Amino acid sequence: MATAGTHIFRVALWDDPSVHRDIEIDDGKSLYDLAKGIVRAFDFDFDHAFGFYSGLTDETLREARPKYELFADMGEAGDAESVRKTRVAAAFPAIGHTLVFLFDYGDEWLFRVEMIGSGAKIPGARYPKVLAKAGSAPEQYPEWEEDEE
């Protein structure tokens, strides 16, 4: 009988890679589950649309394929694949594989998501789980200064 596996990711803020979380997830879970785990690991509210993108530069971010978007699950026409139907193991086939996670298309929170390892699923463990944290998470909704209004 095959052992159920996990994927381990280093998820770092795009503009400050010193702020990151290492997250382990059951490799049979969906990209939707991974997104939820990332958002929670950074103490954000899971209240916006999101996507995972193959483009690793500003110019190619949303153009490169494959790309996976919640919009595909909402019935919107486009060329993105589903985040609910795509398994973590399919989107991240090998250690070193990297995608960009864009959360909240208005504020555009960007995270670099790199598969850094794999493991065996522990019976009874809850996934996704945070294995390590570095740096303080930014505020999702920082208060505006009066002069910025």
N, C-alpha and C. Protein backbone atom coordinates (compact mmCIF):
# COMPACT_ATOMS: atom_id res chain seq x y z
N MET A 1 0.85 -1.19 0.00
CA MET A 1 0.00 0.00 0.00
C MET A 1 0.89 1.24 0.00
N ALA A 2 0.59 2.19 -0.87
CA ALA A 2 1.38 3.42 -0.97
C ALA A 2 1.11 4.32 0.22
N THR A 3 2.14 5.01 0.67
CA THR A 3 2.02 5.94 1.77
C THR A 3 1.54 7.28 1.23
N ALA A 4 0.55 7.86 1.92
CA ALA A 4 0.07 9.18 1.52
C ALA A 4 1.18 10.19 1.76
N GLY A 5 1.30 11.14 0.84
CA GLY A 5 2.39 12.09 0.93
C GLY A 5 1.97 13.51 1.24
N THR A 6 2.99 14.32 1.50
CA THR A 6 2.78 15.74 1.72
C THR A 6 3.77 16.53 0.86
N HIS A 7 3.43 17.76 0.63
CA HIS A 7 4.32 18.72 -0.02
C HIS A 7 4.67 19.79 1.02
N ILE A 8 5.90 20.23 1.02
CA ILE A 8 6.34 21.28 1.92
C ILE A 8 6.74 22.48 1.07
N PHE A 9 6.20 23.64 1.44
CA PHE A 9 6.41 24.86 0.67
C PHE A 9 7.06 25.95 1.51
N ARG A 10 7.90 26.73 0.86
CA ARG A 10 8.36 28.00 1.43
C ARG A 10 7.53 29.06 0.72
N VAL A 11 6.75 29.79 1.49
CA VAL A 11 5.88 30.84 0.96
C VAL A 11 6.40 32.17 1.48
N ALA A 12 6.90 33.00 0.57
CA ALA A 12 7.54 34.26 0.95
C ALA A 12 6.83 35.44 0.31
N LEU A 13 6.81 36.56 1.04
CA LEU A 13 6.28 37.79 0.44
C LEU A 13 7.12 38.14 -0.77
N TRP A 14 6.48 38.50 -1.85
CA TRP A 14 7.15 38.83 -3.10
C TRP A 14 8.15 39.97 -2.90
N ASP A 15 7.74 41.02 -2.19
CA ASP A 15 8.59 42.19 -2.04
C ASP A 15 9.48 42.16 -0.81
N ASP A 16 9.38 41.10 0.01
CA ASP A 16 10.26 40.95 1.18
C ASP A 16 10.41 39.46 1.50
N PRO A 17 11.29 38.76 0.78
CA PRO A 17 11.42 37.31 0.97
C PRO A 17 11.90 36.89 2.36
N SER A 18 12.38 37.86 3.17
CA SER A 18 12.77 37.50 4.53
C SER A 18 11.55 37.17 5.38
N VAL A 19 10.37 37.57 4.93
CA VAL A 19 9.11 37.23 5.61
C VAL A 19 8.53 36.02 4.89
N HIS A 20 8.58 34.88 5.55
CA HIS A 20 8.07 33.67 4.91
C HIS A 20 7.52 32.69 5.93
N ARG A 21 6.80 31.72 5.40
CA ARG A 21 6.24 30.63 6.18
C ARG A 21 6.54 29.33 5.44
N ASP A 22 6.88 28.30 6.20
CA ASP A 22 7.01 26.96 5.64
C ASP A 22 5.73 26.21 5.98
N ILE A 23 5.07 25.71 4.96
CA ILE A 23 3.76 25.11 5.12
C ILE A 23 3.78 23.70 4.54
N GLU A 24 3.23 22.77 5.29
CA GLU A 24 3.10 21.38 4.82
C GLU A 24 1.63 21.09 4.57
N ILE A 25 1.35 20.43 3.45
CA ILE A 25 -0.03 20.11 3.08
C ILE A 25 -0.08 18.72 2.45
N ASP A 26 -1.16 18.04 2.68
CA ASP A 26 -1.43 16.75 2.04
C ASP A 26 -1.42 16.97 0.54
N ASP A 27 -0.62 16.20 -0.20
CA ASP A 27 -0.49 16.45 -1.64
C ASP A 27 -1.75 16.11 -2.44
N GLY A 28 -2.73 15.49 -1.81
CA GLY A 28 -4.01 15.25 -2.45
C GLY A 28 -4.99 16.39 -2.31
N LYS A 29 -4.64 17.38 -1.51
CA LYS A 29 -5.50 18.55 -1.33
C LYS A 29 -5.44 19.43 -2.58
N SER A 30 -6.41 20.34 -2.68
CA SER A 30 -6.49 21.21 -3.85
C SER A 30 -5.69 22.50 -3.64
N LEU A 31 -5.49 23.21 -4.74
CA LEU A 31 -4.85 24.53 -4.65
C LEU A 31 -5.71 25.48 -3.82
N TYR A 32 -7.01 25.27 -3.82
CA TYR A 32 -7.89 26.08 -2.95
C TYR A 32 -7.48 25.88 -1.49
N ASP A 33 -7.24 24.63 -1.09
CA ASP A 33 -6.83 24.34 0.29
C ASP A 33 -5.47 24.97 0.60
N LEU A 34 -4.56 24.91 -0.36
CA LEU A 34 -3.25 25.53 -0.17
C LEU A 34 -3.39 27.04 0.00
N ALA A 35 -4.22 27.66 -0.84
CA ALA A 35 -4.45 29.11 -0.73
C ALA A 35 -4.98 29.47 0.65
N LYS A 36 -5.93 28.72 1.12
CA LYS A 36 -6.50 28.96 2.44
C LYS A 36 -5.43 28.84 3.52
N GLY A 37 -4.55 27.84 3.39
CA GLY A 37 -3.47 27.66 4.35
C GLY A 37 -2.47 28.81 4.32
N ILE A 38 -2.15 29.30 3.12
CA ILE A 38 -1.22 30.43 3.00
C ILE A 38 -1.80 31.67 3.65
N VAL A 39 -3.04 31.97 3.33
CA VAL A 39 -3.69 33.17 3.86
C VAL A 39 -3.75 33.11 5.38
N ARG A 40 -4.10 31.98 5.92
CA ARG A 40 -4.16 31.83 7.39
C ARG A 40 -2.77 31.92 8.03
N ALA A 41 -1.76 31.37 7.35
CA ALA A 41 -0.39 31.41 7.90
C ALA A 41 0.13 32.84 8.04
N PHE A 42 -0.40 33.75 7.22
CA PHE A 42 -0.01 35.16 7.29
C PHE A 42 -1.04 35.99 8.05
N ASP A 43 -1.96 35.32 8.74
CA ASP A 43 -2.98 35.98 9.57
C ASP A 43 -3.86 36.93 8.78
N PHE A 44 -4.16 36.58 7.52
CA PHE A 44 -5.07 37.36 6.70
C PHE A 44 -6.46 36.71 6.78
N ASP A 45 -7.47 37.48 6.41
CA ASP A 45 -8.82 36.95 6.25
C ASP A 45 -8.92 36.35 4.85
N PHE A 46 -9.54 35.20 4.74
CA PHE A 46 -9.69 34.52 3.45
C PHE A 46 -10.95 35.03 2.79
N ASP A 47 -10.88 36.27 2.28
CA ASP A 47 -12.09 36.96 1.84
C ASP A 47 -11.98 37.60 0.46
N HIS A 48 -11.06 37.12 -0.37
CA HIS A 48 -10.88 37.68 -1.70
C HIS A 48 -10.58 36.59 -2.72
N ALA A 49 -10.77 36.92 -3.98
CA ALA A 49 -10.41 36.01 -5.07
C ALA A 49 -8.88 35.92 -5.16
N PHE A 50 -8.40 34.86 -5.82
CA PHE A 50 -6.96 34.61 -5.87
C PHE A 50 -6.62 33.72 -7.05
N GLY A 51 -5.34 33.59 -7.30
CA GLY A 51 -4.86 32.70 -8.33
C GLY A 51 -3.42 32.30 -8.11
N PHE A 52 -3.00 31.24 -8.76
CA PHE A 52 -1.62 30.77 -8.77
C PHE A 52 -1.11 30.92 -10.20
N TYR A 53 0.06 31.51 -10.36
CA TYR A 53 0.57 31.86 -11.68
C TYR A 53 1.98 31.34 -11.91
N SER A 54 2.23 30.91 -13.15
CA SER A 54 3.54 30.40 -13.54
C SER A 54 4.54 31.50 -13.85
N GLY A 55 4.06 32.67 -14.24
CA GLY A 55 4.96 33.77 -14.57
C GLY A 55 5.67 34.27 -13.32
N LEU A 56 6.99 34.30 -13.36
CA LEU A 56 7.75 34.67 -12.16
C LEU A 56 8.33 36.08 -12.23
N THR A 57 7.89 36.87 -13.21
CA THR A 57 8.29 38.27 -13.31
C THR A 57 7.02 39.11 -13.43
N ASP A 58 7.14 40.41 -13.18
CA ASP A 58 5.99 41.30 -13.31
C ASP A 58 5.39 41.22 -14.71
N GLU A 59 6.26 41.11 -15.72
CA GLU A 59 5.80 41.10 -17.11
C GLU A 59 5.05 39.82 -17.48
N THR A 60 5.46 38.69 -16.92
CA THR A 60 4.88 37.41 -17.32
C THR A 60 3.89 36.84 -16.31
N LEU A 61 3.75 37.50 -15.17
CA LEU A 61 2.99 36.94 -14.05
C LEU A 61 1.67 36.30 -14.48
N ARG A 62 0.79 37.05 -15.11
CA ARG A 62 -0.54 36.54 -15.43
C ARG A 62 -0.67 36.04 -16.86
N GLU A 63 0.43 36.04 -17.61
CA GLU A 63 0.39 35.60 -19.00
C GLU A 63 0.86 34.16 -19.18
N ALA A 64 1.84 33.73 -18.40
CA ALA A 64 2.42 32.39 -18.56
C ALA A 64 1.39 31.31 -18.18
N ARG A 65 1.53 30.15 -18.78
CA ARG A 65 0.67 29.00 -18.51
C ARG A 65 1.49 27.89 -17.89
N PRO A 66 0.94 27.06 -17.06
CA PRO A 66 -0.45 27.11 -16.64
C PRO A 66 -0.68 28.20 -15.58
N LYS A 67 -1.94 28.55 -15.44
CA LYS A 67 -2.35 29.42 -14.36
C LYS A 67 -3.66 28.88 -13.82
N TYR A 68 -3.86 29.12 -12.55
CA TYR A 68 -5.02 28.56 -11.85
C TYR A 68 -5.70 29.72 -11.12
N GLU A 69 -7.02 29.87 -11.34
CA GLU A 69 -7.73 30.99 -10.73
C GLU A 69 -9.05 30.55 -10.14
N LEU A 70 -9.44 31.18 -9.04
CA LEU A 70 -10.74 30.95 -8.45
C LEU A 70 -11.85 31.33 -9.43
N PHE A 71 -11.58 32.30 -10.30
CA PHE A 71 -12.57 32.71 -11.29
C PHE A 71 -13.02 31.53 -12.16
N ALA A 72 -12.13 30.59 -12.45
CA ALA A 72 -12.49 29.41 -13.26
C ALA A 72 -13.55 28.58 -12.54
N ASP A 73 -13.50 28.57 -11.22
CA ASP A 73 -14.49 27.82 -10.43
C ASP A 73 -15.80 28.57 -10.29
N MET A 74 -15.76 29.86 -10.59
CA MET A 74 -16.95 30.70 -10.46
C MET A 74 -17.70 30.80 -11.79
N GLY A 75 -17.23 30.06 -12.81
CA GLY A 75 -17.90 30.02 -14.09
C GLY A 75 -17.52 31.13 -15.05
N GLU A 76 -16.50 31.91 -14.72
CA GLU A 76 -16.08 32.97 -15.63
C GLU A 76 -15.25 32.38 -16.76
N ALA A 77 -15.50 32.87 -17.95
CA ALA A 77 -14.75 32.41 -19.12
C ALA A 77 -13.31 32.89 -19.02
N GLY A 78 -12.40 32.08 -19.49
CA GLY A 78 -10.99 32.45 -19.46
C GLY A 78 -10.14 31.24 -19.75
N ASP A 79 -8.84 31.43 -19.65
CA ASP A 79 -7.92 30.35 -19.97
C ASP A 79 -7.25 29.76 -18.73
N ALA A 80 -7.76 30.09 -17.56
CA ALA A 80 -7.19 29.56 -16.32
C ALA A 80 -7.83 28.22 -15.96
N GLU A 81 -7.08 27.43 -15.22
CA GLU A 81 -7.58 26.17 -14.71
C GLU A 81 -8.15 26.36 -13.31
N SER A 82 -8.89 25.38 -12.85
CA SER A 82 -9.58 25.43 -11.56
C SER A 82 -8.63 25.29 -10.37
N VAL A 83 -8.86 26.08 -9.32
CA VAL A 83 -8.09 25.89 -8.08
C VAL A 83 -8.74 24.82 -7.20
N ARG A 84 -10.03 24.60 -7.38
CA ARG A 84 -10.72 23.59 -6.57
C ARG A 84 -10.48 22.17 -7.10
N LYS A 85 -10.29 22.03 -8.40
CA LYS A 85 -10.11 20.71 -8.99
C LYS A 85 -8.64 20.32 -9.16
N THR A 86 -7.74 21.27 -9.09
CA THR A 86 -6.31 20.98 -9.30
C THR A 86 -5.67 20.58 -7.98
N ARG A 87 -5.08 19.42 -7.96
CA ARG A 87 -4.41 18.92 -6.76
C ARG A 87 -3.02 19.54 -6.63
N VAL A 88 -2.58 19.71 -5.40
CA VAL A 88 -1.26 20.26 -5.11
C VAL A 88 -0.19 19.48 -5.85
N ALA A 89 -0.28 18.16 -5.84
CA ALA A 89 0.74 17.32 -6.49
C ALA A 89 0.80 17.55 -7.99
N ALA A 90 -0.31 17.90 -8.61
CA ALA A 90 -0.31 18.16 -10.06
C ALA A 90 0.29 19.52 -10.38
N ALA A 91 0.02 20.52 -9.55
CA ALA A 91 0.51 21.87 -9.81
C ALA A 91 1.99 22.03 -9.43
N PHE A 92 2.44 21.23 -8.48
CA PHE A 92 3.83 21.27 -8.01
C PHE A 92 4.42 19.87 -8.13
N PRO A 93 4.88 19.50 -9.34
CA PRO A 93 5.31 18.13 -9.58
C PRO A 93 6.67 17.75 -8.99
N ALA A 94 7.50 18.73 -8.62
CA ALA A 94 8.85 18.40 -8.15
C ALA A 94 9.38 19.48 -7.22
N ILE A 95 10.33 19.08 -6.38
CA ILE A 95 11.01 20.04 -5.51
C ILE A 95 11.65 21.12 -6.38
N GLY A 96 11.50 22.36 -5.96
CA GLY A 96 12.02 23.49 -6.70
C GLY A 96 10.97 24.17 -7.57
N HIS A 97 9.87 23.47 -7.85
CA HIS A 97 8.82 24.08 -8.68
C HIS A 97 8.23 25.27 -7.93
N THR A 98 8.03 26.37 -8.65
CA THR A 98 7.59 27.62 -8.04
C THR A 98 6.43 28.22 -8.82
N LEU A 99 5.46 28.72 -8.08
CA LEU A 99 4.36 29.50 -8.64
C LEU A 99 4.23 30.77 -7.79
N VAL A 100 3.58 31.78 -8.36
CA VAL A 100 3.27 32.99 -7.62
C VAL A 100 1.81 32.93 -7.22
N PHE A 101 1.55 33.19 -5.94
CA PHE A 101 0.19 33.23 -5.42
C PHE A 101 -0.21 34.70 -5.32
N LEU A 102 -1.26 35.07 -6.04
CA LEU A 102 -1.79 36.43 -5.98
C LEU A 102 -3.10 36.36 -5.22
N PHE A 103 -3.15 37.08 -4.10
CA PHE A 103 -4.36 37.11 -3.27
C PHE A 103 -4.88 38.53 -3.25
N ASP A 104 -6.16 38.69 -3.55
CA ASP A 104 -6.83 39.99 -3.53
C ASP A 104 -6.36 40.83 -4.71
N TYR A 105 -7.10 40.76 -5.80
CA TYR A 105 -6.72 41.45 -7.03
C TYR A 105 -6.73 42.97 -6.89
N GLY A 106 -7.37 43.49 -5.86
CA GLY A 106 -7.34 44.93 -5.61
C GLY A 106 -6.03 45.35 -4.95
N ASP A 107 -5.71 44.73 -3.82
CA ASP A 107 -4.48 45.07 -3.09
C ASP A 107 -3.26 44.33 -3.63
N GLU A 108 -3.49 43.27 -4.38
CA GLU A 108 -2.43 42.47 -5.01
C GLU A 108 -1.33 42.03 -4.04
N TRP A 109 -1.73 41.20 -3.09
CA TRP A 109 -0.74 40.56 -2.23
C TRP A 109 -0.09 39.45 -3.04
N LEU A 110 1.23 39.51 -3.20
CA LEU A 110 1.96 38.51 -3.99
C LEU A 110 2.88 37.70 -3.09
N PHE A 111 2.86 36.39 -3.31
CA PHE A 111 3.69 35.46 -2.55
C PHE A 111 4.38 34.51 -3.52
N ARG A 112 5.64 34.25 -3.28
CA ARG A 112 6.38 33.25 -4.05
C ARG A 112 6.21 31.92 -3.31
N VAL A 113 5.70 30.91 -4.02
CA VAL A 113 5.40 29.61 -3.42
C VAL A 113 6.32 28.58 -4.07
N GLU A 114 7.29 28.09 -3.31
CA GLU A 114 8.25 27.13 -3.84
C GLU A 114 8.16 25.82 -3.06
N MET A 115 8.06 24.73 -3.80
CA MET A 115 8.08 23.41 -3.16
C MET A 115 9.52 23.14 -2.73
N ILE A 116 9.71 22.96 -1.41
CA ILE A 116 11.07 22.76 -0.89
C ILE A 116 11.29 21.35 -0.34
N GLY A 117 10.24 20.55 -0.31
CA GLY A 117 10.40 19.20 0.20
C GLY A 117 9.11 18.42 0.13
N SER A 118 9.22 17.17 0.56
CA SER A 118 8.05 16.30 0.62
C SER A 118 8.18 15.44 1.86
N GLY A 119 7.08 14.83 2.24
CA GLY A 119 7.10 14.00 3.43
C GLY A 119 6.00 12.97 3.37
N ALA A 120 5.86 12.24 4.45
CA ALA A 120 4.80 11.25 4.58
C ALA A 120 3.71 11.83 5.48
N LYS A 121 2.48 11.61 5.08
CA LYS A 121 1.36 12.11 5.86
C LYS A 121 1.28 11.35 7.18
N ILE A 122 1.12 12.10 8.26
CA ILE A 122 1.00 11.50 9.59
C ILE A 122 -0.48 11.28 9.88
N PRO A 123 -0.88 10.04 10.15
CA PRO A 123 -2.29 9.78 10.45
C PRO A 123 -2.77 10.65 11.62
N GLY A 124 -3.93 11.26 11.43
CA GLY A 124 -4.51 12.09 12.47
C GLY A 124 -4.04 13.54 12.47
N ALA A 125 -2.98 13.85 11.72
CA ALA A 125 -2.48 15.23 11.66
C ALA A 125 -3.42 16.07 10.81
N ARG A 126 -3.50 17.36 11.12
CA ARG A 126 -4.33 18.28 10.35
C ARG A 126 -3.45 19.08 9.41
N TYR A 127 -3.87 19.12 8.16
CA TYR A 127 -3.14 19.85 7.13
C TYR A 127 -4.08 20.86 6.48
N PRO A 128 -3.56 21.97 6.00
CA PRO A 128 -2.15 22.39 6.02
C PRO A 128 -1.73 22.82 7.41
N LYS A 129 -0.42 22.74 7.65
CA LYS A 129 0.12 23.19 8.93
C LYS A 129 1.38 24.00 8.68
N VAL A 130 1.59 24.97 9.55
CA VAL A 130 2.77 25.83 9.47
C VAL A 130 3.90 25.16 10.22
N LEU A 131 5.01 24.94 9.54
CA LEU A 131 6.17 24.29 10.14
C LEU A 131 7.16 25.31 10.71
N ALA A 132 7.24 26.47 10.06
CA ALA A 132 8.20 27.51 10.49
C ALA A 132 7.71 28.87 10.04
N LYS A 133 8.10 29.90 10.81
CA LYS A 133 7.77 31.29 10.48
C LYS A 133 9.03 32.12 10.57
N ALA A 134 9.16 33.06 9.65
CA ALA A 134 10.25 34.05 9.71
C ALA A 134 9.65 35.41 9.38
N GLY A 135 9.90 36.37 10.23
CA GLY A 135 9.41 37.73 10.02
C GLY A 135 7.96 37.88 10.42
N SER A 136 7.58 39.12 10.65
CA SER A 136 6.21 39.44 11.04
C SER A 136 5.34 39.62 9.80
N ALA A 137 4.16 39.06 9.86
CA ALA A 137 3.23 39.21 8.75
C ALA A 137 2.78 40.67 8.67
N PRO A 138 2.65 41.18 7.46
CA PRO A 138 2.15 42.55 7.32
C PRO A 138 0.66 42.60 7.66
N GLU A 139 0.16 43.79 7.93
CA GLU A 139 -1.27 43.94 8.14
C GLU A 139 -1.98 43.82 6.80
N GLN A 140 -3.03 43.03 6.76
CA GLN A 140 -3.79 42.89 5.53
C GLN A 140 -4.47 44.20 5.15
N TYR A 141 -5.01 44.87 6.14
CA TYR A 141 -5.72 46.14 5.90
C TYR A 141 -5.11 47.21 6.80
N PRO A 142 -3.95 47.74 6.42
CA PRO A 142 -3.35 48.77 7.27
C PRO A 142 -4.26 50.00 7.34
N GLU A 143 -4.23 50.64 8.50
CA GLU A 143 -5.04 51.85 8.67
C GLU A 143 -4.44 52.96 7.83
N TRP A 144 -5.32 53.73 7.20
CA TRP A 144 -4.87 54.85 6.36
C TRP A 144 -4.59 56.05 7.24
N GLU A 145 -3.53 56.74 6.94
CA GLU A 145 -3.24 58.02 7.60
C GLU A 145 -4.25 59.03 7.07
N GLU A 146 -4.63 59.99 7.91
CA GLU A 146 -5.62 60.99 7.49
C GLU A 146 -5.17 61.74 6.24
N ASP A 147 -3.88 62.04 6.12
CA ASP A 147 -3.41 62.81 4.96
C ASP A 147 -3.36 61.95 3.69
N GLU A 148 -3.55 60.64 3.80
CA GLU A 148 -3.55 59.77 2.63
C GLU A 148 -4.92 59.66 2.00
N GLU A 149 -5.96 60.09 2.72
CA GLU A 149 -7.34 59.93 2.24
C GLU A 149 -7.64 60.80 1.09
